[in-house]
Amino acid sequence: MRKADRTSDAASLVTFFAGIDYLLTKSCKKIEEAIDMAGAPLIWVNSDKSEQIAYFNNEYVLITITDMKKISLGETVEGAKEKLKEIGRCDIAKQLERDEI
């Protein structure tokens, strides 16, 4: 094996492991966030449990379970309902109003 080939292979390995480290770090952060939010009280959960609204760190947060996306809805229930309407989730806002939450 030529020296240039070994150098190229080494650079590829460094890039590969840097990518693995990045993915692991990102995954660990998501796991830590999920653990932190696990004890948060839920005020709404959809029928298949793929979306929920939790009260966490003094704010309401819409969480999509499949991709663990979190959308801040505000510090009050009324503010959360308004934000839901703004982001096109009137269906959830109506459910919250109907349930008098």
PDB file of N, CA and C in Angstrom:
ATOM      1  N   MET A   1       0.856  -1.173   0.000  1.00  0.00           N
ATOM      2  CA  MET A   1       0.000   0.000   0.000  1.00  0.00           C
ATOM      3  C   MET A   1       0.900   1.233   0.000  1.00  0.00           C
ATOM      4  N   ARG A   2       0.579   2.151  -0.886  1.00  0.00           N
ATOM      5  CA  ARG A   2       1.365   3.380  -0.972  1.00  0.00           C
ATOM      6  C   ARG A   2       1.034   4.312   0.185  1.00  0.00           C
ATOM      7  N   LYS A   3       1.983   5.201   0.496  1.00  0.00           N
ATOM      8  CA  LYS A   3       1.801   6.151   1.601  1.00  0.00           C
ATOM      9  C   LYS A   3       0.591   7.042   1.356  1.00  0.00           C
ATOM     10  N   ALA A   4       0.382   7.473   0.115  1.00  0.00           N
ATOM     11  CA  ALA A   4      -0.766   8.335  -0.204  1.00  0.00           C
ATOM     12  C   ALA A   4      -2.073   7.607   0.093  1.00  0.00           C
ATOM     13  N   ASP A   5      -2.128   6.310  -0.217  1.00  0.00           N
ATOM     14  CA  ASP A   5      -3.326   5.525   0.064  1.00  0.00           C
ATOM     15  C   ASP A   5      -3.575   5.421   1.560  1.00  0.00           C
ATOM     16  N   ARG A   6      -2.500   5.198   2.323  1.00  0.00           N
ATOM     17  CA  ARG A   6      -2.649   5.097   3.783  1.00  0.00           C
ATOM     18  C   ARG A   6      -3.112   6.419   4.371  1.00  0.00           C
ATOM     19  N   THR A   7      -2.575   7.522   3.847  1.00  0.00           N
ATOM     20  CA  THR A   7      -2.984   8.847   4.332  1.00  0.00           C
ATOM     21  C   THR A   7      -4.457   9.089   4.019  1.00  0.00           C
ATOM     22  N   SER A   8      -4.867   8.726   2.820  1.00  0.00           N
ATOM     23  CA  SER A   8      -6.268   8.886   2.423  1.00  0.00           C
ATOM     24  C   SER A   8      -7.174   8.024   3.291  1.00  0.00           C
ATOM     25  N   ASP A   9      -6.760   6.785   3.544  1.00  0.00           N
ATOM     26  CA  ASP A   9      -7.542   5.896   4.398  1.00  0.00           C
ATOM     27  C   ASP A   9      -7.638   6.445   5.813  1.00  0.00           C
ATOM     28  N   ALA A  10      -6.541   6.982   6.326  1.00  0.00           N
ATOM     29  CA  ALA A  10      -6.545   7.552   7.679  1.00  0.00           C
ATOM     30  C   ALA A  10      -7.484   8.755   7.748  1.00  0.00           C
ATOM     31  N   ALA A  11      -7.445   9.595   6.721  1.00  0.00           N
ATOM     32  CA  ALA A  11      -8.330  10.766   6.692  1.00  0.00           C
ATOM     33  C   ALA A  11      -9.790  10.325   6.637  1.00  0.00           C
ATOM     34  N   SER A  12     -10.067   9.279   5.881  1.00  0.00           N
ATOM     35  CA  SER A  12     -11.427   8.759   5.804  1.00  0.00           C
ATOM     36  C   SER A  12     -11.890   8.241   7.155  1.00  0.00           C
ATOM     37  N   LEU A  13     -11.011   7.553   7.860  1.00  0.00           N
ATOM     38  CA  LEU A  13     -11.355   7.036   9.186  1.00  0.00           C
ATOM     39  C   LEU A  13     -11.606   8.161  10.171  1.00  0.00           C
ATOM     40  N   VAL A  14     -10.787   9.202  10.120  1.00  0.00           N
ATOM     41  CA  VAL A  14     -10.978  10.350  11.008  1.00  0.00           C
ATOM     42  C   VAL A  14     -12.332  10.986  10.731  1.00  0.00           C
ATOM     43  N   THR A  15     -12.663  11.174   9.465  1.00  0.00           N
ATOM     44  CA  THR A  15     -13.959  11.753   9.096  1.00  0.00           C
ATOM     45  C   THR A  15     -15.099  10.861   9.563  1.00  0.00           C
ATOM     46  N   PHE A  16     -14.941   9.553   9.368  1.00  0.00           N
ATOM     47  CA  PHE A  16     -15.959   8.599   9.785  1.00  0.00           C
ATOM     48  C   PHE A  16     -16.201   8.681  11.285  1.00  0.00           C
ATOM     49  N   PHE A  17     -15.126   8.645  12.075  1.00  0.00           N
ATOM     50  CA  PHE A  17     -15.283   8.672  13.532  1.00  0.00           C
ATOM     51  C   PHE A  17     -15.777  10.026  14.032  1.00  0.00           C
ATOM     52  N   ALA A  18     -15.402  11.087  13.341  1.00  0.00           N
ATOM     53  CA  ALA A  18     -15.932  12.404  13.710  1.00  0.00           C
ATOM     54  C   ALA A  18     -17.448  12.425  13.496  1.00  0.00           C
ATOM     55  N   GLY A  19     -17.891  11.809  12.399  1.00  0.00           N
ATOM     56  CA  GLY A  19     -19.324  11.724  12.131  1.00  0.00           C
ATOM     57  C   GLY A  19     -20.047  10.892  13.178  1.00  0.00           C
ATOM     58  N   ILE A  20     -19.460   9.773  13.568  1.00  0.00           N
ATOM     59  CA  ILE A  20     -20.039   8.915  14.608  1.00  0.00           C
ATOM     60  C   ILE A  20     -20.127   9.679  15.922  1.00  0.00           C
ATOM     61  N   ASP A  21     -19.061  10.384  16.279  1.00  0.00           N
ATOM     62  CA  ASP A  21     -19.051  11.163  17.522  1.00  0.00           C
ATOM     63  C   ASP A  21     -20.154  12.220  17.501  1.00  0.00           C
ATOM     64  N   TYR A  22     -20.310  12.888  16.359  1.00  0.00           N
ATOM     65  CA  TYR A  22     -21.362  13.906  16.232  1.00  0.00           C
ATOM     66  C   TYR A  22     -22.736  13.287  16.448  1.00  0.00           C
ATOM     67  N   LEU A  23     -22.997  12.157  15.778  1.00  0.00           N
ATOM     68  CA  LEU A  23     -24.301  11.505  15.897  1.00  0.00           C
ATOM     69  C   LEU A  23     -24.564  11.021  17.317  1.00  0.00           C
ATOM     70  N   LEU A  24     -23.555  10.458  17.962  1.00  0.00           N
ATOM     71  CA  LEU A  24     -23.727   9.988  19.336  1.00  0.00           C
ATOM     72  C   LEU A  24     -24.003  11.140  20.282  1.00  0.00           C
ATOM     73  N   THR A  25     -23.267  12.235  20.112  1.00  0.00           N
ATOM     74  CA  THR A  25     -23.478  13.410  20.953  1.00  0.00           C
ATOM     75  C   THR A  25     -24.888  13.944  20.770  1.00  0.00           C
ATOM     76  N   LYS A  26     -25.335  14.033  19.524  1.00  0.00           N
ATOM     77  CA  LYS A  26     -26.677  14.532  19.230  1.00  0.00           C
ATOM     78  C   LYS A  26     -27.731  13.594  19.820  1.00  0.00           C
ATOM     79  N   SER A  27     -27.519  12.286  19.675  1.00  0.00           N
ATOM     80  CA  SER A  27     -28.469  11.309  20.217  1.00  0.00           C
ATOM     81  C   SER A  27     -28.529  11.389  21.732  1.00  0.00           C
ATOM     82  N   CYS A  28     -27.381  11.502  22.384  1.00  0.00           N
ATOM     83  CA  CYS A  28     -27.344  11.590  23.845  1.00  0.00           C
ATOM     84  C   CYS A  28     -28.078  12.834  24.326  1.00  0.00           C
ATOM     85  N   LYS A  29     -27.906  13.942  23.614  1.00  0.00           N
ATOM     86  CA  LYS A  29     -28.597  15.171  24.000  1.00  0.00           C
ATOM     87  C   LYS A  29     -30.107  14.971  23.907  1.00  0.00           C
ATOM     88  N   LYS A  30     -30.587  14.325  22.835  1.00  0.00           N
ATOM     89  CA  LYS A  30     -32.020  14.080  22.694  1.00  0.00           C
ATOM     90  C   LYS A  30     -32.520  13.152  23.796  1.00  0.00           C
ATOM     91  N   ILE A  31     -31.731  12.158  24.153  1.00  0.00           N
ATOM     92  CA  ILE A  31     -32.115  11.241  25.220  1.00  0.00           C
ATOM     93  C   ILE A  31     -32.189  11.994  26.544  1.00  0.00           C
ATOM     94  N   GLU A  32     -31.208  12.857  26.815  1.00  0.00           N
ATOM     95  CA  GLU A  32     -31.219  13.653  28.045  1.00  0.00           C
ATOM     96  C   GLU A  32     -32.454  14.548  28.089  1.00  0.00           C
ATOM     97  N   GLU A  33     -32.787  15.180  26.957  1.00  0.00           N
ATOM     98  CA  GLU A  33     -33.972  16.039  26.914  1.00  0.00           C
ATOM     99  C   GLU A  33     -35.233  15.220  27.172  1.00  0.00           C
ATOM    100  N   ALA A  34     -35.304  14.042  26.585  1.00  0.00           N
ATOM    101  CA  ALA A  34     -36.478  13.187  26.780  1.00  0.00           C
ATOM    102  C   ALA A  34     -36.612  12.779  28.243  1.00  0.00           C
ATOM    103  N   ILE A  35     -35.491  12.459  28.883  1.00  0.00           N
ATOM    104  CA  ILE A  35     -35.522  12.084  30.301  1.00  0.00           C
ATOM    105  C   ILE A  35     -35.958  13.275  31.142  1.00  0.00           C
ATOM    106  N   ASP A  36     -35.433  14.464  30.823  1.00  0.00           N
ATOM    107  CA  ASP A  36     -35.825  15.672  31.555  1.00  0.00           C
ATOM    108  C   ASP A  36     -37.322  15.914  31.439  1.00  0.00           C
ATOM    109  N   MET A  37     -37.874  15.696  30.257  1.00  0.00           N
ATOM    110  CA  MET A  37     -39.276  15.991  30.021  1.00  0.00           C
ATOM    111  C   MET A  37     -40.199  14.865  30.478  1.00  0.00           C
ATOM    112  N   ALA A  38     -39.633  13.711  30.812  1.00  0.00           N
ATOM    113  CA  ALA A  38     -40.451  12.550  31.168  1.00  0.00           C
ATOM    114  C   ALA A  38     -41.369  12.827  32.362  1.00  0.00           C
ATOM    115  N   GLY A  39     -40.937  13.640  33.296  1.00  0.00           N
ATOM    116  CA  GLY A  39     -41.747  13.925  34.472  1.00  0.00           C
ATOM    117  C   GLY A  39     -42.674  15.112  34.310  1.00  0.00           C
ATOM    118  N   ALA A  40     -42.651  15.748  33.140  1.00  0.00           N
ATOM    119  CA  ALA A  40     -43.474  16.932  32.917  1.00  0.00           C
ATOM    120  C   ALA A  40     -44.946  16.546  32.823  1.00  0.00           C
ATOM    121  N   PRO A  41     -45.820  17.318  33.477  1.00  0.00           N
ATOM    122  CA  PRO A  41     -47.248  17.020  33.377  1.00  0.00           C
ATOM    123  C   PRO A  41     -47.756  17.256  31.956  1.00  0.00           C
ATOM    124  N   LEU A  42     -48.603  16.350  31.482  1.00  0.00           N
ATOM    125  CA  LEU A  42     -49.189  16.479  30.152  1.00  0.00           C
ATOM    126  C   LEU A  42     -50.573  17.095  30.277  1.00  0.00           C
ATOM    127  N   ILE A  43     -50.872  18.048  29.390  1.00  0.00           N
ATOM    128  CA  ILE A  43     -52.211  18.632  29.406  1.00  0.00           C
ATOM    129  C   ILE A  43     -53.036  18.159  28.222  1.00  0.00           C
ATOM    130  N   TRP A  44     -52.366  17.577  27.206  1.00  0.00           N
ATOM    131  CA  TRP A  44     -53.076  17.081  26.029  1.00  0.00           C
ATOM    132  C   TRP A  44     -52.239  16.002  25.358  1.00  0.00           C
ATOM    133  N   VAL A  45     -52.906  14.942  24.904  1.00  0.00           N
ATOM    134  CA  VAL A  45     -52.260  13.865  24.144  1.00  0.00           C
ATOM    135  C   VAL A  45     -53.226  13.474  23.037  1.00  0.00           C
ATOM    136  N   ASN A  46     -52.708  13.323  21.798  1.00  0.00           N
ATOM    137  CA  ASN A  46     -53.623  12.917  20.725  1.00  0.00           C
ATOM    138  C   ASN A  46     -53.933  11.428  20.829  1.00  0.00           C
ATOM    139  N   SER A  47     -54.843  10.957  20.002  1.00  0.00           N
ATOM    140  CA  SER A  47     -55.362   9.592  20.146  1.00  0.00           C
ATOM    141  C   SER A  47     -54.309   8.508  19.962  1.00  0.00           C
ATOM    142  N   ASP A  48     -53.326   8.721  19.076  1.00  0.00           N
ATOM    143  CA  ASP A  48     -52.298   7.683  18.905  1.00  0.00           C
ATOM    144  C   ASP A  48     -51.023   7.975  19.706  1.00  0.00           C
ATOM    145  N   LYS A  49     -51.092   8.988  20.538  1.00  0.00           N
ATOM    146  CA  LYS A  49     -50.004   9.374  21.446  1.00  0.00           C
ATOM    147  C   LYS A  49     -48.721   9.824  20.733  1.00  0.00           C
ATOM    148  N   SER A  50     -48.847  10.219  19.467  1.00  0.00           N
ATOM    149  CA  SER A  50     -47.669  10.673  18.729  1.00  0.00           C
ATOM    150  C   SER A  50     -47.388  12.157  18.933  1.00  0.00           C
ATOM    151  N   GLU A  51     -48.363  12.879  19.501  1.00  0.00           N
ATOM    152  CA  GLU A  51     -48.180  14.290  19.833  1.00  0.00           C
ATOM    153  C   GLU A  51     -48.721  14.530  21.229  1.00  0.00           C
ATOM    154  N   GLN A  52     -48.069  15.438  21.936  1.00  0.00           N
ATOM    155  CA  GLN A  52     -48.550  15.782  23.269  1.00  0.00           C
ATOM    156  C   GLN A  52     -48.121  17.188  23.624  1.00  0.00           C
ATOM    157  N   ILE A  53     -48.857  17.769  24.539  1.00  0.00           N
ATOM    158  CA  ILE A  53     -48.484  19.074  25.074  1.00  0.00           C
ATOM    159  C   ILE A  53     -48.138  18.871  26.538  1.00  0.00           C
ATOM    160  N   ALA A  54     -46.938  19.296  26.894  1.00  0.00           N
ATOM    161  CA  ALA A  54     -46.460  19.162  28.268  1.00  0.00           C
ATOM    162  C   ALA A  54     -46.192  20.545  28.838  1.00  0.00           C
ATOM    163  N   TYR A  55     -46.256  20.620  30.154  1.00  0.00           N
ATOM    164  CA  TYR A  55     -45.885  21.853  30.852  1.00  0.00           C
ATOM    165  C   TYR A  55     -44.503  21.595  31.438  1.00  0.00           C
ATOM    166  N   PHE A  56     -43.496  22.257  30.863  1.00  0.00           N
ATOM    167  CA  PHE A  56     -42.109  21.982  31.210  1.00  0.00           C
ATOM    168  C   PHE A  56     -41.334  23.292  31.309  1.00  0.00           C
ATOM    169  N   ASN A  57     -40.613  23.464  32.409  1.00  0.00           N
ATOM    170  CA  ASN A  57     -39.821  24.693  32.627  1.00  0.00           C
ATOM    171  C   ASN A  57     -40.661  25.957  32.463  1.00  0.00           C
ATOM    172  N   ASN A  58     -41.832  25.941  33.081  1.00  0.00           N
ATOM    173  CA  ASN A  58     -42.725  27.104  33.090  1.00  0.00           C
ATOM    174  C   ASN A  58     -43.233  27.523  31.716  1.00  0.00           C
ATOM    175  N   GLU A  59     -43.337  26.571  30.798  1.00  0.00           N
ATOM    176  CA  GLU A  59     -43.944  26.869  29.511  1.00  0.00           C
ATOM    177  C   GLU A  59     -44.612  25.617  28.952  1.00  0.00           C
ATOM    178  N   TYR A  60     -45.571  25.850  28.074  1.00  0.00           N
ATOM    179  CA  TYR A  60     -46.253  24.758  27.399  1.00  0.00           C
ATOM    180  C   TYR A  60     -45.482  24.435  26.130  1.00  0.00           C
ATOM    181  N   VAL A  61     -45.300  23.134  25.860  1.00  0.00           N
ATOM    182  CA  VAL A  61     -44.495  22.690  24.729  1.00  0.00           C
ATOM    183  C   VAL A  61     -45.256  21.602  23.981  1.00  0.00           C
ATOM    184  N   LEU A  62     -45.381  21.770  22.661  1.00  0.00           N
ATOM    185  CA  LEU A  62     -45.946  20.726  21.810  1.00  0.00           C
ATOM    186  C   LEU A  62     -44.797  19.812  21.402  1.00  0.00           C
ATOM    187  N   ILE A  63     -44.953  18.522  21.681  1.00  0.00           N
ATOM    188  CA  ILE A  63     -43.900  17.554  21.384  1.00  0.00           C
ATOM    189  C   ILE A  63     -44.433  16.546  20.374  1.00  0.00           C
ATOM    190  N   THR A  64     -43.669  16.347  19.306  1.00  0.00           N
ATOM    191  CA  THR A  64     -43.995  15.280  18.367  1.00  0.00           C
ATOM    192  C   THR A  64     -43.059  14.119  18.694  1.00  0.00           C
ATOM    193  N   ILE A  65     -43.634  12.994  19.072  1.00  0.00           N
ATOM    194  CA  ILE A  65     -42.866  11.865  19.586  1.00  0.00           C
ATOM    195  C   ILE A  65     -41.991  11.233  18.510  1.00  0.00           C
ATOM    196  N   THR A  66     -42.488  11.140  17.283  1.00  0.00           N
ATOM    197  CA  THR A  66     -41.735  10.449  16.246  1.00  0.00           C
ATOM    198  C   THR A  66     -40.380  11.083  15.968  1.00  0.00           C
ATOM    199  N   ASP A  67     -40.312  12.411  15.964  1.00  0.00           N
ATOM    200  CA  ASP A  67     -39.031  13.067  15.698  1.00  0.00           C
ATOM    201  C   ASP A  67     -38.545  13.904  16.888  1.00  0.00           C
ATOM    202  N   MET A  68     -39.241  13.806  18.016  1.00  0.00           N
ATOM    203  CA  MET A  68     -38.895  14.539  19.239  1.00  0.00           C
ATOM    204  C   MET A  68     -38.734  16.036  18.993  1.00  0.00           C
ATOM    205  N   LYS A  69     -39.546  16.564  18.086  1.00  0.00           N
ATOM    206  CA  LYS A  69     -39.526  18.001  17.842  1.00  0.00           C
ATOM    207  C   LYS A  69     -40.322  18.675  18.950  1.00  0.00           C
ATOM    208  N   LYS A  70     -39.793  19.784  19.448  1.00  0.00           N
ATOM    209  CA  LYS A  70     -40.467  20.544  20.497  1.00  0.00           C
ATOM    210  C   LYS A  70     -40.773  21.939  19.971  1.00  0.00           C
ATOM    211  N   ILE A  71     -42.019  22.351  20.158  1.00  0.00           N
ATOM    212  CA  ILE A  71     -42.428  23.687  19.744  1.00  0.00           C
ATOM    213  C   ILE A  71     -42.936  24.417  20.971  1.00  0.00           C
ATOM    214  N   SER A  72     -42.269  25.504  21.314  1.00  0.00           N
ATOM    215  CA  SER A  72     -42.679  26.303  22.464  1.00  0.00           C
ATOM    216  C   SER A  72     -43.997  26.989  22.153  1.00  0.00           C
ATOM    217  N   LEU A  73     -44.946  26.859  23.088  1.00  0.00           N
ATOM    218  CA  LEU A  73     -46.274  27.439  22.892  1.00  0.00           C
ATOM    219  C   LEU A  73     -46.542  28.637  23.799  1.00  0.00           C
ATOM    220  N   GLY A  74     -45.692  28.896  24.752  1.00  0.00           N
ATOM    221  CA  GLY A  74     -45.894  30.038  25.631  1.00  0.00           C
ATOM    222  C   GLY A  74     -46.061  29.635  27.080  1.00  0.00           C
ATOM    223  N   GLU A  75     -46.182  30.638  27.926  1.00  0.00           N
ATOM    224  CA  GLU A  75     -46.213  30.413  29.371  1.00  0.00           C
ATOM    225  C   GLU A  75     -47.619  30.254  29.946  1.00  0.00           C
ATOM    226  N   THR A  76     -48.635  30.602  29.163  1.00  0.00           N
ATOM    227  CA  THR A  76     -50.013  30.482  29.658  1.00  0.00           C
ATOM    228  C   THR A  76     -50.811  29.582  28.721  1.00  0.00           C
ATOM    229  N   VAL A  77     -51.911  29.051  29.227  1.00  0.00           N
ATOM    230  CA  VAL A  77     -52.781  28.214  28.399  1.00  0.00           C
ATOM    231  C   VAL A  77     -53.352  29.038  27.250  1.00  0.00           C
ATOM    232  N   GLU A  78     -53.773  30.251  27.547  1.00  0.00           N
ATOM    233  CA  GLU A  78     -54.316  31.120  26.496  1.00  0.00           C
ATOM    234  C   GLU A  78     -53.264  31.412  25.434  1.00  0.00           C
ATOM    235  N   GLY A  79     -52.035  31.686  25.891  1.00  0.00           N
ATOM    236  CA  GLY A  79     -50.944  31.921  24.940  1.00  0.00           C
ATOM    237  C   GLY A  79     -50.663  30.683  24.099  1.00  0.00           C
ATOM    238  N   ALA A  80     -50.747  29.519  24.714  1.00  0.00           N
ATOM    239  CA  ALA A  80     -50.532  28.256  23.999  1.00  0.00           C
ATOM    240  C   ALA A  80     -51.600  28.054  22.928  1.00  0.00           C
ATOM    241  N   LYS A  81     -52.847  28.352  23.268  1.00  0.00           N
ATOM    242  CA  LYS A  81     -53.935  28.215  22.290  1.00  0.00           C
ATOM    243  C   LYS A  81     -53.714  29.152  21.109  1.00  0.00           C
ATOM    244  N   GLU A  82     -53.304  30.380  21.388  1.00  0.00           N
ATOM    245  CA  GLU A  82     -53.048  31.346  20.311  1.00  0.00           C
ATOM    246  C   GLU A  82     -51.901  30.874  19.422  1.00  0.00           C
ATOM    247  N   LYS A  83     -50.827  30.384  20.029  1.00  0.00           N
ATOM    248  CA  LYS A  83     -49.677  29.904  19.266  1.00  0.00           C
ATOM    249  C   LYS A  83     -50.072  28.709  18.397  1.00  0.00           C
ATOM    250  N   LEU A  84     -50.894  27.814  18.938  1.00  0.00           N
ATOM    251  CA  LEU A  84     -51.369  26.670  18.158  1.00  0.00           C
ATOM    252  C   LEU A  84     -52.128  27.144  16.919  1.00  0.00           C
ATOM    253  N   LYS A  85     -52.948  28.165  17.079  1.00  0.00           N
ATOM    254  CA  LYS A  85     -53.681  28.709  15.941  1.00  0.00           C
ATOM    255  C   LYS A  85     -52.716  29.314  14.922  1.00  0.00           C
ATOM    256  N   GLU A  86     -51.686  30.022  15.414  1.00  0.00           N
ATOM    257  CA  GLU A  86     -50.700  30.650  14.533  1.00  0.00           C
ATOM    258  C   GLU A  86     -49.941  29.629  13.701  1.00  0.00           C
ATOM    259  N   ILE A  87     -49.651  28.471  14.272  1.00  0.00           N
ATOM    260  CA  ILE A  87     -48.873  27.462  13.549  1.00  0.00           C
ATOM    261  C   ILE A  87     -49.765  26.474  12.783  1.00  0.00           C
ATOM    262  N   GLY A  88     -51.042  26.804  12.710  1.00  0.00           N
ATOM    263  CA  GLY A  88     -51.949  25.989  11.921  1.00  0.00           C
ATOM    264  C   GLY A  88     -52.489  24.755  12.610  1.00  0.00           C
ATOM    265  N   ARG A  89     -52.426  24.729  13.922  1.00  0.00           N
ATOM    266  CA  ARG A  89     -52.945  23.582  14.670  1.00  0.00           C
ATOM    267  C   ARG A  89     -54.215  23.978  15.413  1.00  0.00           C
ATOM    268  N   CYS A  90     -55.155  24.526  14.655  1.00  0.00           N
ATOM    269  CA  CYS A  90     -56.444  24.921  15.219  1.00  0.00           C
ATOM    270  C   CYS A  90     -57.185  23.725  15.790  1.00  0.00           C
ATOM    271  N   ASP A  91     -56.923  22.538  15.232  1.00  0.00           N
ATOM    272  CA  ASP A  91     -57.573  21.321  15.730  1.00  0.00           C
ATOM    273  C   ASP A  91     -57.258  21.090  17.205  1.00  0.00           C
ATOM    274  N   ILE A  92     -56.006  21.296  17.566  1.00  0.00           N
ATOM    275  CA  ILE A  92     -55.610  21.106  18.967  1.00  0.00           C
ATOM    276  C   ILE A  92     -56.192  22.228  19.824  1.00  0.00           C
ATOM    277  N   ALA A  93     -56.113  23.472  19.327  1.00  0.00           N
ATOM    278  CA  ALA A  93     -56.642  24.615  20.080  1.00  0.00           C
ATOM    279  C   ALA A  93     -58.130  24.416  20.374  1.00  0.00           C
ATOM    280  N   LYS A  94     -58.871  23.916  19.387  1.00  0.00           N
ATOM    281  CA  LYS A  94     -60.305  23.671  19.587  1.00  0.00           C
ATOM    282  C   LYS A  94     -60.539  22.599  20.647  1.00  0.00           C
ATOM    283  N   GLN A  95     -59.705  21.551  20.623  1.00  0.00           N
ATOM    284  CA  GLN A  95     -59.848  20.500  21.638  1.00  0.00           C
ATOM    285  C   GLN A  95     -59.586  21.047  23.037  1.00  0.00           C
ATOM    286  N   LEU A  96     -58.571  21.898  23.156  1.00  0.00           N
ATOM    287  CA  LEU A  96     -58.261  22.487  24.463  1.00  0.00           C
ATOM    288  C   LEU A  96     -59.411  23.379  24.941  1.00  0.00           C
ATOM    289  N   GLU A  97     -59.986  24.142  24.007  1.00  0.00           N
ATOM    290  CA  GLU A  97     -61.116  25.006  24.376  1.00  0.00           C
ATOM    291  C   GLU A  97     -62.335  24.169  24.752  1.00  0.00           C
ATOM    292  N   ARG A  98     -62.583  23.122  23.981  1.00  0.00           N
ATOM    293  CA  ARG A  98     -63.735  22.249  24.265  1.00  0.00           C
ATOM    294  C   ARG A  98     -63.589  21.572  25.627  1.00  0.00           C
ATOM    295  N   ASP A  99     -62.356  21.165  25.958  1.00  0.00           N
ATOM    296  CA  ASP A  99     -62.105  20.515  27.233  1.00  0.00           C
ATOM    297  C   ASP A  99     -61.899  21.508  28.370  1.00  0.00           C
ATOM    298  N   GLU A 100     -62.019  22.812  28.049  1.00  0.00           N
ATOM    299  CA  GLU A 100     -61.861  23.897  29.027  1.00  0.00           C
ATOM    300  C   GLU A 100     -60.534  23.825  29.765  1.00  0.00           C
ATOM    301  N   ILE A 101     -59.478  23.622  29.006  1.00  0.00           N
ATOM    302  CA  ILE A 101     -58.133  23.602  29.607  1.00  0.00           C
ATOM    303  C   ILE A 101     -57.536  24.976  29.479  1.00  0.00           C
TER     304      ILE A 101
END
